[in-house]
Amino acid sequence: MKMYPQDIPYPDINMSEEQTENVTRNKFGDGYEQRVENGMLNNRFTKLNLTWTLDYGEGLEFWAWLCKVKSITSFLWSAPDDKEKKYLCTSAKRTHGKNKFTITATFEQVFDL
């Protein structure tokens, strides 16, 4: 497990958060539906869509780190106003600007050991 780079600032204000539950749904022919939680623990997880606007040096460093961990290695991170959780970066994109990088990424909560 990697640690989130301490010298990278928090993402921009426009962070979006989605809560998802792990549920199995059985639909019956007469219109009824049965729903069952998958597991008693950790069946609700968080998905964050984040954006960073960074200067060129910070952007290169952060992009290299994201490419190292993307979709494979989990890391500890605490979103603003939240406790530390374990995340996986499932997608990342960068846009070059004049002496700036805009990096967007999706962090999904995982429950690895």
Protein backbone atom coordinates (compact mmCIF):
# COMPACT_ATOMS: atom_id res chain seq x y z
CA MET A 1 0.00 0.00 0.00
CA LYS A 2 1.28 3.44 -0.93
CA MET A 3 0.84 6.70 0.91
CA TYR A 4 -0.76 9.71 -0.76
CA PRO A 5 1.97 12.32 -1.47
CA GLN A 6 1.98 14.77 1.43
CA ASP A 7 3.28 17.69 -0.65
CA ILE A 8 0.29 17.58 -3.07
CA PRO A 9 -2.51 19.94 -2.01
CA TYR A 10 -6.12 18.91 -1.60
CA PRO A 11 -8.20 18.83 -4.78
CA ASP A 12 -10.17 21.83 -6.02
CA ILE A 13 -13.50 22.69 -4.43
CA ASN A 14 -15.63 20.95 -7.09
CA MET A 15 -15.23 17.45 -5.64
CA SER A 16 -18.23 15.16 -6.14
CA GLU A 17 -19.00 12.18 -3.92
CA GLU A 18 -21.17 9.16 -4.61
CA GLN A 19 -22.24 6.56 -2.03
CA THR A 20 -22.92 3.08 -3.40
CA GLU A 21 -24.29 0.01 -1.67
CA ASN A 22 -23.45 -3.55 -2.70
CA VAL A 23 -26.93 -5.03 -3.11
CA THR A 24 -28.31 -8.01 -5.03
CA ARG A 25 -31.73 -7.38 -6.57
CA ASN A 26 -34.05 -10.19 -7.63
CA LYS A 27 -36.98 -9.16 -9.82
CA PHE A 28 -39.99 -11.43 -10.08
CA GLY A 29 -42.41 -11.68 -12.98
CA ASP A 30 -45.33 -10.24 -11.02
CA GLY A 31 -43.61 -6.88 -10.39
CA TYR A 32 -42.24 -7.70 -6.95
CA GLU A 33 -38.58 -7.26 -6.12
CA GLN A 34 -36.35 -8.64 -3.37
CA ARG A 35 -33.19 -6.82 -2.27
CA VAL A 36 -30.41 -8.30 -0.15
CA GLU A 37 -27.22 -6.63 1.09
CA ASN A 38 -24.05 -8.41 0.00
CA GLY A 39 -22.17 -8.85 3.24
CA MET A 40 -22.75 -7.37 6.66
CA LEU A 41 -19.55 -5.31 6.73
CA ASN A 42 -18.25 -2.86 4.16
CA ASN A 43 -21.19 -3.07 1.80
CA ARG A 44 -21.34 0.74 1.36
CA PHE A 45 -18.44 2.50 -0.33
CA THR A 46 -17.50 5.97 -1.54
CA LYS A 47 -16.55 7.05 -5.04
CA LEU A 48 -14.96 10.49 -5.47
CA ASN A 49 -14.49 12.51 -8.65
CA LEU A 50 -11.65 14.96 -8.02
CA THR A 51 -9.86 17.76 -9.85
CA TRP A 52 -6.50 19.35 -9.06
CA THR A 53 -5.09 22.50 -10.64
CA LEU A 54 -1.34 22.31 -10.05
CA ASP A 55 1.73 24.16 -11.21
CA TYR A 56 3.93 22.37 -13.73
CA GLY A 57 6.34 20.73 -11.22
CA GLU A 58 3.64 19.55 -8.83
CA GLY A 59 1.55 18.33 -11.77
CA LEU A 60 4.39 16.20 -13.18
CA GLU A 61 5.14 14.71 -9.76
CA PHE A 62 1.51 13.95 -8.96
CA TRP A 63 0.83 12.49 -12.43
CA ALA A 64 3.83 10.16 -12.08
CA TRP A 65 2.52 9.01 -8.69
CA LEU A 66 -1.00 8.42 -10.07
CA CYS A 67 0.42 6.38 -12.97
CA LYS A 68 2.32 4.24 -10.46
CA VAL A 69 -0.72 3.40 -8.33
CA LYS A 70 -3.55 3.58 -10.89
CA SER A 71 -6.04 0.70 -10.70
CA ILE A 72 -3.64 -1.60 -8.83
CA THR A 73 -2.26 -0.21 -5.58
CA SER A 74 -4.48 1.11 -2.80
CA PHE A 75 -3.49 4.12 -0.70
CA LEU A 76 -4.66 5.95 2.40
CA TRP A 77 -6.22 9.37 1.89
CA SER A 78 -8.64 11.61 3.72
CA ALA A 79 -11.00 13.77 1.72
CA PRO A 80 -11.72 17.23 3.13
CA ASP A 81 -14.06 16.91 6.13
CA ASP A 82 -13.76 13.10 6.22
CA LYS A 83 -11.69 10.48 8.02
CA GLU A 84 -8.84 8.58 6.38
CA LYS A 85 -9.97 5.72 4.13
CA LYS A 86 -8.31 3.33 1.70
CA TYR A 87 -8.78 4.23 -1.97
CA LEU A 88 -7.88 3.00 -5.43
CA CYS A 89 -7.45 5.42 -8.34
CA THR A 90 -9.59 3.85 -11.08
CA SER A 91 -9.13 6.57 -13.71
CA ALA A 92 -7.00 9.66 -14.26
CA LYS A 93 -6.70 12.33 -16.95
CA ARG A 94 -4.46 15.37 -17.28
CA THR A 95 -4.82 18.54 -19.30
CA HIS A 96 -1.88 20.81 -20.06
CA GLY A 97 -2.29 24.53 -19.66
CA LYS A 98 0.20 27.37 -19.65
CA ASN A 99 2.58 26.38 -16.82
CA LYS A 100 -0.28 24.41 -15.19
CA PHE A 101 -1.73 20.93 -15.16
CA THR A 102 -5.36 20.11 -14.51
CA ILE A 103 -5.62 16.54 -13.30
CA THR A 104 -8.92 14.74 -12.84
CA ALA A 105 -9.15 11.38 -11.13
CA THR A 106 -11.68 8.97 -9.71
CA PHE A 107 -10.90 7.51 -6.28
CA GLU A 108 -12.96 4.49 -5.21
CA GLN A 109 -12.96 3.23 -1.65
CA VAL A 110 -11.67 -0.31 -1.20
CA PHE A 111 -11.57 -2.67 1.76
CA ASP A 112 -8.29 -4.53 1.14
CA LEU A 113 -6.39 -6.11 3.98
